[in-house]
Amino acid sequence: MNRLIASAAALTLGIAALTSCGSDDAGGNGSEDGGGDTEVFTLTTIMPMSGPGAVYGEGVVRMLDIVVDETNAAGGITIGDTTYEIVLDVLDDELKPETAQAVARQAIDDGAQLIFGPFGSGNANAVQPVMARGGAAWLLPIATVVGPTANPNVFRTAALVSAFVDPELEYIEADPTLQKVALLTDQTHTAHSETTSELIGQIEGIGRSVVFSQDFSTGDTDFRAPLTQMLSDAPDVVILRGYMAECLLALQQLRELGSDAIVILNSGSTTAETLSMLDDLSILEDVYQSMPMTSLDPFVAAGNPLAIELLEKLNGESAAADAYVYDAMQVLLAAMSQATDTSADALIAALTDLAAEDVAGRTLNEYRPQAGGLLFENREVDLPGVMVEWIPDQGWTPIP
């Protein structure tokens, strides 16, 4: 794999901590490598590679490595009249907004033309001032926070938060026994926390009541106090909104406290992660996920050959956003192949003009064509969510 790696500490200190198998150039422009006859395009990604979010960043980079290595092995990517080898430049934002701002500024100062990330909604929100400076095209493969795509250089291949909300609202509305709803929301997950009031209004709009709503933070491990308070209101449905680790831990503690309420996760937990975190899988009875199809799991469960092949390449260890990351890279590669050159302006133009049919058959998710058949409208894609359930010996599977 060709990868540049820079730690947040090194960037903060201004130390040149970049190393590469294929290039010493940290910018996004094409450049010759040490061999003198290979052009290199550096794809910068901002991901949490240390701290409580490292499990997410490491998962993203594993999938990026697969796509980049396969692209380079097939001869690279032709942009304009030149063929490039792709080198991945990984910047660690520690899942901290202030660190994300620092590494984003450094990336722009170093001449990055294309930036993949950040991962989390809070960090994507925090770097909006850097995005607004221009100088690079940005692609958000996972973060769902509203706001960044108002910038003309920021595109998102992830679904909006409505893909988490709409399926669960339909599920609750269809069951008249589900009257009282409780919410537990990660305040660090900006897309969820900023839409809590809206979700409460939507739940009340379908004739249900929200009897409890409280926040927590990424990295929290003890949810017993808020859960005990929640259970005094006897909810019929508990919606856990946040990242995988905290949501599964809260679920486990909820069951330990004796609750048999229906639980809906807005976390994108994968089958492998669920198996690794939970010893007692019986607690997954009456547990669902309402989510866009971010991971390989629902595709593997449906027998999708591409998803099965990717899972094998990951040695069976799928991460929460593998499908999202794979699809985002296919979108990028399709746009890059249509760009006139490697400049940010050319990449932005190519993403803007990309048709949905240009990625049809290349991605796991099926993006709905938008106005004029384009993939993006106002730099957002149209991607619905689904309800999935746990099936023993199969894992997380979409409900038909």
Protein backbone atom coordinates (compact mmCIF):
# COMPACT_ATOMS: atom_id res chain seq x y z
CA MET A 1 0.00 0.00 0.00
CA ASN A 2 1.15 3.58 -0.66
CA ARG A 3 0.31 5.71 2.31
CA LEU A 4 1.52 8.89 3.95
CA ILE A 5 0.86 9.10 7.67
CA ALA A 6 0.94 12.20 9.87
CA SER A 7 0.02 12.34 13.53
CA ALA A 8 -1.87 15.26 14.99
CA ALA A 9 0.98 15.90 17.42
CA ALA A 10 3.50 16.16 14.61
CA LEU A 11 1.30 18.59 12.72
CA THR A 12 0.74 20.68 15.82
CA LEU A 13 4.48 20.94 16.40
CA GLY A 14 5.13 21.61 12.73
CA ILE A 15 7.36 18.55 12.45
CA ALA A 16 7.75 16.93 9.04
CA ALA A 17 6.40 13.55 10.04
CA LEU A 18 5.32 12.36 6.61
CA THR A 19 6.66 9.11 5.22
CA SER A 20 5.73 7.43 1.97
CA CYS A 21 6.31 4.30 -0.03
CA GLY A 22 5.70 6.10 -3.29
CA SER A 23 5.98 9.87 -2.91
CA ASP A 24 7.38 12.66 -0.78
CA ASP A 25 4.72 15.11 -1.94
CA ALA A 26 1.94 15.82 0.59
CA GLY A 27 -0.21 17.92 -1.69
CA GLY A 28 -2.97 16.79 -4.00
CA ASN A 29 -1.38 17.87 -7.26
CA GLY A 30 0.17 15.31 -9.57
CA SER A 31 3.93 15.02 -9.14
CA GLU A 32 6.70 12.69 -10.19
CA ASP A 33 7.95 10.16 -7.65
CA GLY A 34 11.57 9.37 -6.98
CA GLY A 35 11.70 7.13 -10.07
CA GLY A 36 11.12 10.11 -12.32
CA ASP A 37 8.51 8.60 -14.62
CA THR A 38 5.43 7.93 -12.45
CA GLU A 39 2.94 10.65 -11.67
CA VAL A 40 1.46 10.59 -8.17
CA PHE A 41 -1.88 11.91 -6.95
CA THR A 42 -2.19 12.27 -3.19
CA LEU A 43 -5.60 11.66 -1.66
CA THR A 44 -5.73 13.27 1.77
CA THR A 45 -8.02 11.71 4.36
CA ILE A 46 -8.85 13.08 7.81
CA MET A 47 -9.80 10.25 10.16
CA PRO A 48 -9.56 9.39 13.88
CA MET A 49 -6.53 7.09 14.13
CA SER A 50 -6.02 7.43 17.89
CA GLY A 51 -8.24 7.92 20.93
CA PRO A 52 -11.77 6.51 21.37
CA GLY A 53 -12.57 6.93 17.68
CA ALA A 54 -9.57 4.98 16.41
CA VAL A 55 -11.64 1.87 15.71
CA TYR A 56 -13.66 3.88 13.18
CA GLY A 57 -10.72 5.55 11.47
CA GLU A 58 -8.78 2.31 11.22
CA GLY A 59 -11.78 0.65 9.58
CA VAL A 60 -12.07 3.43 7.01
CA VAL A 61 -8.38 3.30 6.16
CA ARG A 62 -8.45 -0.48 5.72
CA MET A 63 -11.11 -0.13 3.04
CA LEU A 64 -9.33 2.84 1.46
CA ASP A 65 -6.16 0.75 1.24
CA ILE A 66 -8.03 -2.00 -0.59
CA VAL A 67 -9.51 0.37 -3.18
CA VAL A 68 -6.29 2.35 -3.65
CA ASP A 69 -4.16 -0.78 -3.97
CA GLU A 70 -6.55 -2.33 -6.51
CA THR A 71 -6.66 0.90 -8.51
CA ASN A 72 -2.88 1.17 -8.61
CA ALA A 73 -2.49 -2.53 -9.46
CA ALA A 74 -4.82 -2.01 -12.42
CA GLY A 75 -2.61 0.77 -13.76
CA GLY A 76 -3.70 3.76 -11.71
CA ILE A 77 -6.20 6.49 -12.54
CA THR A 78 -6.11 8.55 -15.74
CA ILE A 79 -6.99 12.21 -15.23
CA GLY A 80 -6.89 14.31 -18.36
CA ASP A 81 -4.03 12.98 -20.42
CA THR A 82 -1.98 11.66 -17.51
CA THR A 83 -2.13 8.43 -15.53
CA TYR A 84 -1.48 8.66 -11.80
CA GLU A 85 -0.64 6.35 -8.98
CA ILE A 86 -2.74 7.19 -5.90
CA VAL A 87 -1.03 7.72 -2.55
CA LEU A 88 -3.11 7.96 0.61
CA ASP A 89 -2.21 10.70 3.10
CA VAL A 90 -3.80 9.88 6.48
CA LEU A 91 -4.21 12.75 8.95
CA ASP A 92 -5.26 11.84 12.50
CA ASP A 93 -7.93 14.15 13.95
CA GLU A 94 -8.37 12.05 17.14
CA LEU A 95 -12.16 12.59 16.75
CA LYS A 96 -11.57 15.99 18.36
CA PRO A 97 -12.93 19.15 16.68
CA GLU A 98 -9.89 21.27 17.54
CA THR A 99 -7.51 18.65 16.15
CA ALA A 100 -9.62 18.31 13.01
CA GLN A 101 -9.32 22.05 12.46
CA ALA A 102 -5.54 21.89 12.88
CA VAL A 103 -4.97 19.01 10.46
CA ALA A 104 -7.45 20.46 7.96
CA ARG A 105 -5.58 23.77 7.92
CA GLN A 106 -2.31 21.90 7.52
CA ALA A 107 -3.71 19.91 4.59
CA ILE A 108 -4.79 23.08 2.79
CA ASP A 109 -1.46 24.76 3.52
CA ASP A 110 0.33 21.70 2.11
CA GLY A 111 -1.62 22.02 -1.14
CA ALA A 112 -4.11 19.17 -0.83
CA GLN A 113 -6.55 19.30 -3.76
CA LEU A 114 -8.90 16.51 -2.60
CA ILE A 115 -9.78 15.73 1.03
CA PHE A 116 -11.73 12.63 2.10
CA GLY A 117 -13.41 13.22 5.48
CA PRO A 118 -13.57 14.02 8.32
CA PHE A 119 -15.31 10.96 9.77
CA GLY A 120 -17.48 12.39 12.54
CA SER A 121 -20.26 14.95 12.26
CA GLY A 122 -18.79 17.06 15.05
CA ASN A 123 -15.45 17.30 13.29
CA ALA A 124 -17.03 17.91 9.89
CA ASN A 125 -18.97 20.74 11.49
CA ALA A 126 -15.84 22.15 13.12
CA VAL A 127 -13.82 22.34 9.89
CA GLN A 128 -16.46 24.27 7.95
CA PRO A 129 -14.42 27.51 8.19
CA VAL A 130 -11.48 25.67 6.62
CA MET A 131 -13.72 24.25 3.91
CA ALA A 132 -14.98 27.75 3.18
CA ARG A 133 -11.42 28.91 2.48
CA GLY A 134 -11.52 26.93 -0.75
CA GLY A 135 -8.37 25.47 -2.22
CA ALA A 136 -9.57 21.87 -2.12
CA ALA A 137 -12.49 19.65 -3.04
CA TRP A 138 -13.94 17.81 -0.04
CA LEU A 139 -15.91 14.57 0.07
CA LEU A 140 -17.79 13.53 3.22
CA PRO A 141 -18.24 9.74 3.07
CA ILE A 142 -19.82 9.28 6.51
CA ALA A 143 -20.61 12.49 8.44
CA THR A 144 -24.29 13.46 8.24
CA VAL A 145 -24.24 16.88 9.89
CA VAL A 146 -26.14 19.60 8.02
CA GLY A 147 -24.09 22.57 6.86
CA PRO A 148 -20.79 21.63 5.18
CA THR A 149 -22.33 21.02 1.75
CA ALA A 150 -23.54 24.61 1.66
CA ASN A 151 -19.96 25.25 0.56
CA PRO A 152 -19.62 24.85 -3.24
CA ASN A 153 -16.53 22.65 -2.84
CA VAL A 154 -17.98 20.12 -0.34
CA PHE A 155 -19.81 16.97 -1.50
CA ARG A 156 -21.37 14.18 0.52
CA THR A 157 -21.92 10.56 -0.53
CA ALA A 158 -23.41 9.64 2.86
CA ALA A 159 -27.14 9.81 3.45
CA LEU A 160 -28.59 12.61 5.53
CA VAL A 161 -29.85 12.01 9.07
CA SER A 162 -33.33 11.42 7.63
CA ALA A 163 -32.10 7.98 6.51
CA PHE A 164 -31.76 7.09 10.20
CA VAL A 165 -35.06 8.66 11.21
CA ASP A 166 -37.59 7.84 8.48
CA PRO A 167 -37.50 4.02 8.78
CA GLU A 168 -37.91 4.08 12.57
CA LEU A 169 -40.80 6.54 12.39
CA GLU A 170 -42.57 4.26 9.90
CA TYR A 171 -41.92 1.25 12.14
CA ILE A 172 -43.24 2.96 15.29
CA GLU A 173 -46.28 4.41 13.53
CA ALA A 174 -47.23 0.99 12.15
CA ASP A 175 -47.43 -0.56 15.64
CA PRO A 176 -50.19 0.93 17.84
CA THR A 177 -48.71 -0.71 20.97
CA LEU A 178 -45.64 1.52 20.71
CA GLN A 179 -46.81 4.71 22.40
CA LYS A 180 -43.99 5.90 24.68
CA VAL A 181 -40.55 6.61 23.22
CA ALA A 182 -37.25 7.32 25.01
CA LEU A 183 -34.13 8.83 23.43
CA LEU A 184 -30.48 8.61 24.45
CA THR A 185 -28.27 10.69 22.16
CA ASP A 186 -24.51 11.15 21.77
CA GLN A 187 -23.96 14.90 22.00
CA THR A 188 -20.61 14.42 20.25
CA HIS A 189 -22.46 13.09 17.19
CA THR A 190 -23.51 16.49 15.92
CA ALA A 191 -25.89 15.21 13.24
CA HIS A 192 -27.91 13.37 15.87
CA SER A 193 -27.65 15.91 18.68
CA GLU A 194 -28.59 18.89 16.51
CA THR A 195 -31.73 17.11 15.27
CA THR A 196 -33.04 15.82 18.61
CA SER A 197 -35.70 18.52 18.89
CA GLU A 198 -36.78 17.85 15.31
CA LEU A 199 -37.01 14.11 16.00
CA ILE A 200 -39.12 14.71 19.11
CA GLY A 201 -41.49 16.80 16.99
CA GLN A 202 -41.67 14.07 14.35
CA ILE A 203 -42.43 11.41 16.98
CA GLU A 204 -45.17 13.57 18.45
CA GLY A 205 -46.42 14.20 14.92
CA ILE A 206 -47.25 10.50 14.50
CA GLY A 207 -49.23 10.53 17.74
CA ARG A 208 -46.56 9.16 20.09
CA SER A 209 -45.03 10.76 23.18
CA VAL A 210 -41.36 11.18 24.07
CA VAL A 211 -41.14 10.38 27.78
CA PHE A 212 -37.36 10.72 28.17
CA SER A 213 -34.48 12.38 26.32
CA GLN A 214 -30.91 12.75 27.55
CA ASP A 215 -27.42 13.16 26.10
CA PHE A 216 -24.15 11.28 26.57
CA SER A 217 -20.67 11.60 25.06
CA THR A 218 -18.42 9.44 22.91
CA GLY A 219 -16.20 7.42 25.24
CA ASP A 220 -18.80 7.09 28.02
CA THR A 221 -18.95 3.60 29.52
CA ASP A 222 -21.54 3.75 32.31
CA PHE A 223 -25.11 4.50 31.26
CA ARG A 224 -26.87 3.01 34.27
CA ALA A 225 -27.91 6.29 35.88
CA PRO A 226 -29.73 7.76 32.85
CA LEU A 227 -31.10 4.33 31.93
CA THR A 228 -32.52 3.83 35.43
CA GLN A 229 -34.17 7.24 35.22
CA MET A 230 -35.46 6.36 31.74
CA LEU A 231 -37.02 3.10 32.88
CA SER A 232 -39.07 4.88 35.53
CA ASP A 233 -41.06 6.25 32.58
CA ALA A 234 -41.65 2.72 31.20
CA PRO A 235 -40.92 3.42 27.52
CA ASP A 236 -42.17 1.02 24.86
CA VAL A 237 -39.32 1.96 22.51
CA VAL A 238 -35.79 3.12 23.31
CA ILE A 239 -33.83 4.82 20.51
CA LEU A 240 -30.05 4.86 21.04
CA ARG A 241 -28.44 7.49 18.81
CA GLY A 242 -24.65 7.58 18.48
CA TYR A 243 -21.62 5.51 17.57
CA MET A 244 -21.47 1.73 17.67
CA ALA A 245 -19.45 1.12 20.86
CA GLU A 246 -21.50 3.34 23.14
CA CYS A 247 -24.86 2.22 21.72
CA LEU A 248 -24.09 -1.48 22.17
CA LEU A 249 -22.80 -0.86 25.69
CA ALA A 250 -25.94 1.10 26.57
CA LEU A 251 -28.06 -1.71 25.12
CA GLN A 252 -26.26 -4.28 27.26
CA GLN A 253 -26.75 -2.22 30.42
CA LEU A 254 -30.39 -1.59 29.54
CA ARG A 255 -31.03 -5.32 29.39
CA GLU A 256 -29.07 -5.88 32.62
CA LEU A 257 -31.46 -3.45 34.30
CA GLY A 258 -34.34 -5.70 33.27
CA SER A 259 -35.86 -3.74 30.39
CA ASP A 260 -37.55 -5.70 27.61
CA ALA A 261 -38.45 -2.57 25.63
CA ILE A 262 -37.95 -2.58 21.89
CA VAL A 263 -34.60 -0.94 21.11
CA ILE A 264 -33.74 0.85 17.88
CA LEU A 265 -30.08 1.68 17.24
CA ASN A 266 -29.01 4.64 15.10
CA SER A 267 -25.38 3.53 15.10
CA GLY A 268 -24.53 1.42 12.07
CA SER A 269 -23.20 -1.47 14.18
CA THR A 270 -21.80 -4.32 12.10
CA THR A 271 -22.25 -8.04 12.66
CA ALA A 272 -18.55 -8.52 13.47
CA GLU A 273 -18.49 -5.61 15.92
CA THR A 274 -21.67 -6.83 17.58
CA LEU A 275 -20.25 -10.33 18.00
CA SER A 276 -17.01 -8.94 19.44
CA MET A 277 -18.73 -6.67 21.96
CA LEU A 278 -21.63 -8.81 23.17
CA ASP A 279 -21.20 -12.13 24.96
CA ASP A 280 -24.94 -12.73 25.31
CA LEU A 281 -26.58 -12.39 21.91
CA SER A 282 -30.00 -13.14 23.38
CA ILE A 283 -30.23 -9.46 24.35
CA LEU A 284 -30.63 -8.68 20.64
CA GLU A 285 -34.19 -9.95 20.65
CA ASP A 286 -36.48 -7.03 19.78
CA VAL A 287 -33.46 -4.93 18.80
CA TYR A 288 -33.35 -3.22 15.41
CA GLN A 289 -31.24 -0.72 13.55
CA SER A 290 -32.70 2.16 11.57
CA MET A 291 -29.99 3.32 9.23
CA PRO A 292 -28.65 3.74 5.74
CA MET A 293 -26.71 0.69 4.60
CA THR A 294 -23.29 1.85 5.77
CA SER A 295 -21.65 -1.55 6.27
CA LEU A 296 -21.20 -4.68 4.18
CA ASP A 297 -23.52 -6.72 6.41
CA PRO A 298 -26.89 -6.17 4.70
CA PHE A 299 -25.30 -6.72 1.30
CA VAL A 300 -23.56 -9.91 2.42
CA ALA A 301 -26.84 -11.15 3.95
CA ALA A 302 -28.50 -10.56 0.58
CA GLY A 303 -25.78 -12.55 -1.21
CA ASN A 304 -24.20 -9.58 -2.99
CA PRO A 305 -21.05 -11.03 -4.63
CA LEU A 306 -19.08 -7.77 -4.44
CA ALA A 307 -19.80 -7.41 -0.72
CA ILE A 308 -18.82 -11.03 -0.11
CA GLU A 309 -15.55 -10.49 -2.01
CA LEU A 310 -14.76 -7.34 -0.03
CA LEU A 311 -15.50 -9.08 3.26
CA GLU A 312 -13.05 -11.84 2.32
CA LYS A 313 -10.38 -9.23 1.58
CA LEU A 314 -11.03 -7.80 5.05
CA ASN A 315 -10.56 -11.29 6.54
CA GLY A 316 -14.17 -11.27 7.67
CA GLU A 317 -13.69 -8.17 9.83
CA SER A 318 -16.09 -5.62 8.40
CA ALA A 319 -16.16 -2.12 9.89
CA ALA A 320 -19.21 0.07 10.40
CA ALA A 321 -18.70 2.22 7.31
CA ASP A 322 -17.14 -0.19 4.81
CA ALA A 323 -19.95 0.08 2.25
CA TYR A 324 -20.00 3.87 2.59
CA VAL A 325 -16.24 4.12 2.11
CA TYR A 326 -16.16 1.75 -0.85
CA ASP A 327 -19.01 3.60 -2.55
CA ALA A 328 -17.46 7.01 -1.88
CA MET A 329 -14.22 5.88 -3.50
CA GLN A 330 -16.07 4.59 -6.55
CA VAL A 331 -17.74 7.98 -6.86
CA LEU A 332 -14.39 9.72 -6.54
CA LEU A 333 -12.69 7.47 -9.08
CA ALA A 334 -15.53 7.98 -11.57
CA ALA A 335 -15.32 11.75 -11.17
CA MET A 336 -11.52 11.83 -11.28
CA SER A 337 -11.54 9.92 -14.56
CA GLN A 338 -13.76 12.64 -16.04
CA ALA A 339 -11.80 15.59 -14.63
CA THR A 340 -9.63 17.61 -17.00
CA ASP A 341 -6.75 17.80 -14.50
CA THR A 342 -5.94 17.30 -10.81
CA SER A 343 -6.79 20.80 -9.62
CA ALA A 344 -9.51 21.31 -7.03
CA ASP A 345 -11.57 23.31 -9.53
CA ALA A 346 -11.45 20.49 -12.09
CA LEU A 347 -12.36 17.88 -9.47
CA ILE A 348 -15.27 20.00 -8.21
CA ALA A 349 -16.55 20.40 -11.77
CA ALA A 350 -16.31 16.65 -12.39
CA LEU A 351 -18.18 15.81 -9.18
CA THR A 352 -20.84 18.39 -10.00
CA ASP A 353 -21.42 16.94 -13.47
CA LEU A 354 -21.24 13.28 -12.45
CA ALA A 355 -24.33 11.32 -13.52
CA ALA A 356 -25.87 8.65 -11.34
CA GLU A 357 -25.46 6.19 -14.21
CA ASP A 358 -21.70 6.82 -14.12
CA VAL A 359 -21.51 4.88 -10.85
CA ALA A 360 -24.36 2.42 -11.45
CA GLY A 361 -23.01 -1.10 -11.07
CA ARG A 362 -19.85 0.15 -9.37
CA THR A 363 -21.30 0.88 -5.93
CA LEU A 364 -22.95 -1.31 -3.32
CA ASN A 365 -25.67 1.22 -2.54
CA GLU A 366 -27.92 2.32 -5.39
CA TYR A 367 -28.00 6.09 -5.54
CA ARG A 368 -31.22 7.55 -6.89
CA PRO A 369 -30.75 9.81 -9.93
CA GLN A 370 -31.58 13.43 -9.18
CA ALA A 371 -32.41 16.43 -11.39
CA GLY A 372 -31.02 15.90 -14.88
CA GLY A 373 -29.93 12.38 -13.97
CA LEU A 374 -27.09 13.75 -11.85
CA LEU A 375 -25.72 11.96 -8.80
CA PHE A 376 -25.52 15.13 -6.70
CA GLU A 377 -28.10 17.83 -6.11
CA ASN A 378 -26.77 20.71 -4.02
CA ARG A 379 -23.80 18.38 -3.48
CA GLU A 380 -25.95 15.77 -1.68
CA VAL A 381 -26.94 12.27 -2.85
CA ASP A 382 -30.35 10.64 -2.53
CA LEU A 383 -29.90 7.51 -0.43
CA PRO A 384 -32.70 5.99 1.69
CA GLY A 385 -32.43 4.14 4.99
CA VAL A 386 -33.73 0.73 6.04
CA MET A 387 -34.72 -1.19 9.17
CA VAL A 388 -32.49 -4.17 9.93
CA GLU A 389 -32.88 -6.92 12.50
CA TRP A 390 -30.55 -9.45 14.13
CA ILE A 391 -30.99 -12.97 12.80
CA PRO A 392 -29.01 -15.70 14.62
CA ASP A 393 -26.27 -17.29 12.48
CA GLN A 394 -26.77 -14.55 9.91
CA GLY A 395 -26.31 -11.21 11.66
CA TRP A 396 -27.82 -7.83 10.82
CA THR A 397 -30.26 -8.31 7.96
CA PRO A 398 -32.69 -5.87 6.27
CA ILE A 399 -36.34 -6.41 7.14
CA PRO A 400 -38.19 -7.29 3.91
